[in-house]
């Protein structure tokens, strides 16, 4: 029988720590994204205004965009794209169970496309409409993937005969998943019921996207408490 090596224990311990850190980073980036893009775009406009000695910076409410994706066209563009690429890297490299890996790859690729293909701007060209459609499709794939994690993957132990995930956490994960699904459905219905001007005026998509992002961010942060060495 082979003897136990301390290096084996250390390797396993740091693997677990890295895995939990990966989950928490997804959650942290998720919580930070809606807040940072809104505040940075407004604050940086004020900085530019002061530096140029002008008075053209919009008020805070006027600086708030119609959706998180719309911040691609503001000073917060780098934050938005960077967060999406971070999601993509974390999810594509996520390894736990078989289905976790599969869903992670699909959702991660969706996040990458969201970051690399901007949403449709005002007065778009034909090419911009096509790219915007790709962006919208990829965003739906990403959010559906996050809902699948919350509803079906996080509440259980992959391959385990007995589920050791505490019932309270199971409920929390599923509530987060339901919130994501409801946000997607409301966004879909709103796209048919509300006209563009109304949706933009009330920042319809921004609030729904933010709620969905906060929901999956909370789920990933809580999941990052599992398997602690």
Protein backbone atom coordinates (compact mmCIF):
# COMPACT_ATOMS: atom_id res chain seq x y z
CA UNK A 1 0.00 0.00 0.00
CA UNK A 2 1.44 3.35 -1.04
CA UNK A 3 2.22 5.77 1.74
CA UNK A 4 0.40 9.09 2.11
CA UNK A 5 2.38 12.09 0.91
CA UNK A 6 1.90 15.53 2.43
CA UNK A 7 2.19 16.98 -1.06
CA UNK A 8 -0.95 15.04 -2.06
CA UNK A 9 -2.96 16.67 0.72
CA UNK A 10 -1.63 20.12 -0.12
CA UNK A 11 -2.38 19.65 -3.80
CA UNK A 12 -5.94 18.60 -3.03
CA UNK A 13 -6.42 21.41 -0.54
CA UNK A 14 -5.30 24.08 -3.00
CA UNK A 15 -7.39 22.56 -5.75
CA UNK A 16 -10.46 22.94 -3.53
CA UNK A 17 -9.52 26.50 -2.60
CA UNK A 18 -9.06 27.40 -6.26
CA UNK A 19 -12.39 25.84 -7.18
CA UNK A 20 -14.24 27.78 -4.48
CA UNK A 21 -12.45 30.99 -5.41
CA UNK A 22 -13.55 30.53 -9.00
CA UNK A 23 -17.18 30.33 -7.89
CA UNK A 24 -16.87 33.37 -5.68
CA UNK A 25 -15.22 35.38 -8.43
CA UNK A 26 -18.17 34.71 -10.73
CA UNK A 27 -20.49 35.96 -7.99
CA UNK A 28 -18.34 38.99 -7.17
CA UNK A 29 -18.08 40.09 -10.80
CA UNK A 30 -21.83 39.59 -11.16
CA UNK A 31 -22.65 41.81 -8.19
CA UNK A 32 -20.15 44.47 -9.27
CA UNK A 33 -21.09 44.69 -12.96
CA UNK A 34 -24.45 46.56 -12.86
CA UNK A 35 -23.24 48.93 -10.15
CA UNK A 36 -19.87 49.73 -11.70
CA UNK A 37 -21.07 50.39 -15.23
CA UNK A 38 -23.74 52.81 -14.01
CA UNK A 39 -21.57 54.71 -11.55
CA UNK A 40 -18.39 54.80 -13.65
CA UNK A 41 -20.12 56.12 -16.78
CA UNK A 42 -21.74 58.94 -14.80
CA UNK A 43 -18.66 59.78 -12.70
CA UNK A 44 -16.26 59.74 -15.63
CA UNK A 45 -18.53 62.05 -17.62
CA UNK A 46 -18.31 64.51 -14.73
CA UNK A 47 -14.51 64.18 -14.67
CA UNK A 48 -14.28 64.86 -18.41
CA UNK A 49 -16.69 67.77 -18.02
CA UNK A 50 -14.56 69.30 -15.27
CA UNK A 51 -11.31 68.71 -17.13
CA UNK A 52 -12.63 70.41 -20.27
CA UNK A 53 -14.33 73.21 -18.39
CA UNK A 54 -17.66 72.44 -20.05
CA UNK A 55 -21.16 71.89 -18.72
CA UNK A 56 -22.42 69.10 -20.93
CA UNK A 57 -22.29 66.13 -18.56
CA UNK A 58 -25.78 64.65 -18.07
CA UNK A 59 -27.47 64.31 -14.72
CA UNK A 60 -27.23 60.94 -13.03
CA UNK A 61 -30.63 59.73 -14.26
CA UNK A 62 -29.99 60.96 -17.78
CA UNK A 63 -26.68 59.10 -17.81
CA UNK A 64 -28.36 55.78 -16.92
CA UNK A 65 -28.61 53.64 -20.03
CA UNK A 66 -31.52 51.53 -21.20
CA UNK A 67 -29.70 48.24 -20.52
CA UNK A 68 -26.42 46.92 -19.18
CA UNK A 69 -25.35 46.10 -22.72
CA UNK A 70 -25.92 49.71 -23.79
CA UNK A 71 -22.95 50.71 -21.62
CA UNK A 72 -20.76 49.36 -24.41
CA UNK A 73 -21.22 52.80 -25.99
CA UNK A 74 -20.23 54.74 -22.85
CA UNK A 75 -17.13 55.29 -20.73
CA UNK A 76 -17.97 51.98 -19.02
CA UNK A 77 -17.34 49.95 -22.18
CA UNK A 78 -14.14 48.38 -20.87
CA UNK A 79 -15.83 47.36 -17.62
CA UNK A 80 -18.69 45.74 -19.48
CA UNK A 81 -16.51 43.85 -21.95
CA UNK A 82 -14.00 42.88 -19.26
CA UNK A 83 -16.74 41.44 -17.04
CA UNK A 84 -18.16 39.37 -19.91
CA UNK A 85 -14.75 37.97 -20.79
CA UNK A 86 -14.16 37.20 -17.11
CA UNK A 87 -17.47 35.29 -17.03
CA UNK A 88 -16.43 33.45 -20.17
CA UNK A 89 -13.04 32.40 -18.79
CA UNK A 90 -14.46 31.30 -15.43
CA UNK A 91 -17.33 29.32 -16.96
CA UNK A 92 -15.45 27.65 -19.81
CA UNK A 93 -12.78 26.45 -17.38
CA UNK A 94 -15.31 25.42 -14.70
CA UNK A 95 -14.87 21.77 -13.78
CA UNK A 96 -17.05 19.92 -11.29
CA UNK A 97 -19.58 17.46 -12.71
CA UNK A 98 -20.20 16.44 -16.31
CA UNK A 99 -23.24 18.65 -16.79
CA UNK A 100 -21.64 21.52 -14.87
CA UNK A 101 -18.82 21.43 -17.38
CA UNK A 102 -21.11 21.27 -20.39
CA UNK A 103 -23.43 24.05 -19.26
CA UNK A 104 -20.44 26.13 -18.18
CA UNK A 105 -18.86 25.91 -21.63
CA UNK A 106 -22.09 26.88 -23.41
CA UNK A 107 -22.86 29.75 -21.01
CA UNK A 108 -19.22 30.90 -21.11
CA UNK A 109 -19.22 31.05 -24.90
CA UNK A 110 -22.45 33.03 -24.70
CA UNK A 111 -20.80 35.50 -22.31
CA UNK A 112 -17.83 35.88 -24.67
CA UNK A 113 -20.11 36.67 -27.61
CA UNK A 114 -22.04 39.19 -25.48
CA UNK A 115 -18.80 41.01 -24.74
CA UNK A 116 -17.36 40.87 -28.24
CA UNK A 117 -20.54 41.59 -30.23
CA UNK A 118 -22.10 44.89 -29.08
CA UNK A 119 -25.82 45.41 -28.75
CA UNK A 120 -27.72 47.28 -31.45
CA UNK A 121 -27.06 51.06 -31.22
CA UNK A 122 -29.43 53.86 -32.12
CA UNK A 123 -29.92 54.31 -35.88
CA UNK A 124 -28.10 51.06 -36.69
CA UNK A 125 -26.78 49.88 -40.03
CA UNK A 126 -27.76 46.49 -41.39
CA UNK A 127 -24.52 44.96 -40.11
CA UNK A 128 -25.06 46.47 -36.65
CA UNK A 129 -28.54 44.96 -36.56
CA UNK A 130 -27.12 41.53 -37.36
CA UNK A 131 -24.41 41.86 -34.72
CA UNK A 132 -27.00 43.14 -32.24
CA UNK A 133 -29.17 40.10 -32.94
CA UNK A 134 -26.20 37.83 -32.27
CA UNK A 135 -25.57 39.74 -29.03
CA UNK A 136 -29.19 39.29 -27.93
CA UNK A 137 -29.15 35.57 -28.71
CA UNK A 138 -25.88 35.05 -26.83
CA UNK A 139 -27.23 36.99 -23.83
CA UNK A 140 -30.27 34.70 -23.73
CA UNK A 141 -27.97 31.64 -23.86
CA UNK A 142 -25.86 33.04 -21.03
CA UNK A 143 -28.84 33.79 -18.76
CA UNK A 144 -30.52 30.46 -19.51
CA UNK A 145 -27.24 28.74 -18.61
CA UNK A 146 -27.17 30.61 -15.31
CA UNK A 147 -30.76 29.58 -14.65
CA UNK A 148 -29.87 25.93 -15.32
CA UNK A 149 -27.02 26.15 -12.81
CA UNK A 150 -29.34 27.58 -10.16
CA UNK A 151 -32.36 25.34 -10.79
CA UNK A 152 -30.77 21.98 -11.52
CA UNK A 153 -27.02 21.83 -10.89
CA UNK A 154 -26.27 23.78 -7.71
CA UNK A 155 -29.01 22.11 -5.60
CA UNK A 156 -27.43 18.66 -5.91
CA UNK A 157 -24.13 16.80 -5.69
CA UNK A 158 -23.16 15.44 -9.11
CA UNK A 159 -22.86 11.67 -9.13
CA UNK A 160 -23.56 11.33 -5.39
CA UNK A 161 -26.00 8.72 -4.10
CA UNK A 162 -27.04 11.03 -1.25
CA UNK A 163 -27.44 14.76 -1.79
CA UNK A 164 -25.48 16.62 0.88
CA UNK A 165 -26.47 20.14 -0.20
CA UNK A 166 -28.41 21.64 2.76
CA UNK A 167 -32.10 22.10 2.05
CA UNK A 168 -31.92 25.80 2.81
CA UNK A 169 -29.30 26.28 0.12
CA UNK A 170 -31.29 24.15 -2.31
CA UNK A 171 -34.25 26.49 -1.84
CA UNK A 172 -32.07 29.58 -2.25
CA UNK A 173 -30.52 28.29 -5.47
CA UNK A 174 -33.90 27.45 -6.95
CA UNK A 175 -35.36 30.83 -5.96
CA UNK A 176 -32.44 32.51 -7.73
CA UNK A 177 -33.12 30.36 -10.80
CA UNK A 178 -36.81 31.26 -10.79
CA UNK A 179 -35.93 34.96 -10.52
CA UNK A 180 -33.69 34.66 -13.59
CA UNK A 181 -36.39 32.86 -15.59
CA UNK A 182 -39.08 35.36 -14.57
CA UNK A 183 -36.81 38.28 -15.51
CA UNK A 184 -36.23 36.73 -18.95
CA UNK A 185 -39.95 36.14 -19.50
CA UNK A 186 -40.89 39.66 -18.41
CA UNK A 187 -38.22 41.07 -20.75
CA UNK A 188 -39.64 38.98 -23.60
CA UNK A 189 -43.22 40.07 -22.93
CA UNK A 190 -42.16 43.68 -22.49
CA UNK A 191 -40.51 43.57 -25.89
CA UNK A 192 -43.92 42.96 -27.45
CA UNK A 193 -46.10 45.07 -25.15
CA UNK A 194 -43.98 48.22 -24.69
CA UNK A 195 -42.69 50.46 -27.44
CA UNK A 196 -39.00 51.34 -27.68
CA UNK A 197 -39.44 54.84 -26.26
CA UNK A 198 -41.25 53.59 -23.16
CA UNK A 199 -38.74 50.81 -22.52
CA UNK A 200 -35.84 53.24 -22.82
CA UNK A 201 -37.51 55.90 -20.67
CA UNK A 202 -38.07 53.57 -17.71
CA UNK A 203 -34.79 51.65 -18.27
CA UNK A 204 -36.89 48.50 -18.57
CA UNK A 205 -34.14 46.08 -19.58
CA UNK A 206 -31.57 47.56 -17.21
CA UNK A 207 -33.63 46.70 -14.13
CA UNK A 208 -34.51 43.20 -15.35
CA UNK A 209 -30.93 42.41 -16.36
CA UNK A 210 -29.64 43.72 -13.05
CA UNK A 211 -32.08 41.58 -11.06
CA UNK A 212 -31.09 38.49 -13.06
CA UNK A 213 -27.38 39.22 -12.67
CA UNK A 214 -27.72 39.77 -8.92
CA UNK A 215 -29.67 36.50 -8.63
CA UNK A 216 -27.04 34.35 -10.29
CA UNK A 217 -24.26 36.26 -8.51
CA UNK A 218 -25.82 35.42 -5.14
CA UNK A 219 -26.11 31.76 -6.12
CA UNK A 220 -22.46 31.54 -7.14
CA UNK A 221 -21.28 33.29 -3.98
CA UNK A 222 -23.25 30.90 -1.79
CA UNK A 223 -22.06 27.91 -3.81
CA UNK A 224 -18.54 29.17 -3.17
CA UNK A 225 -19.02 28.26 0.49
CA UNK A 226 -19.27 24.53 -0.27
CA UNK A 227 -16.42 22.03 -0.03
CA UNK A 228 -14.33 24.24 2.24
CA UNK A 229 -11.18 22.37 3.28
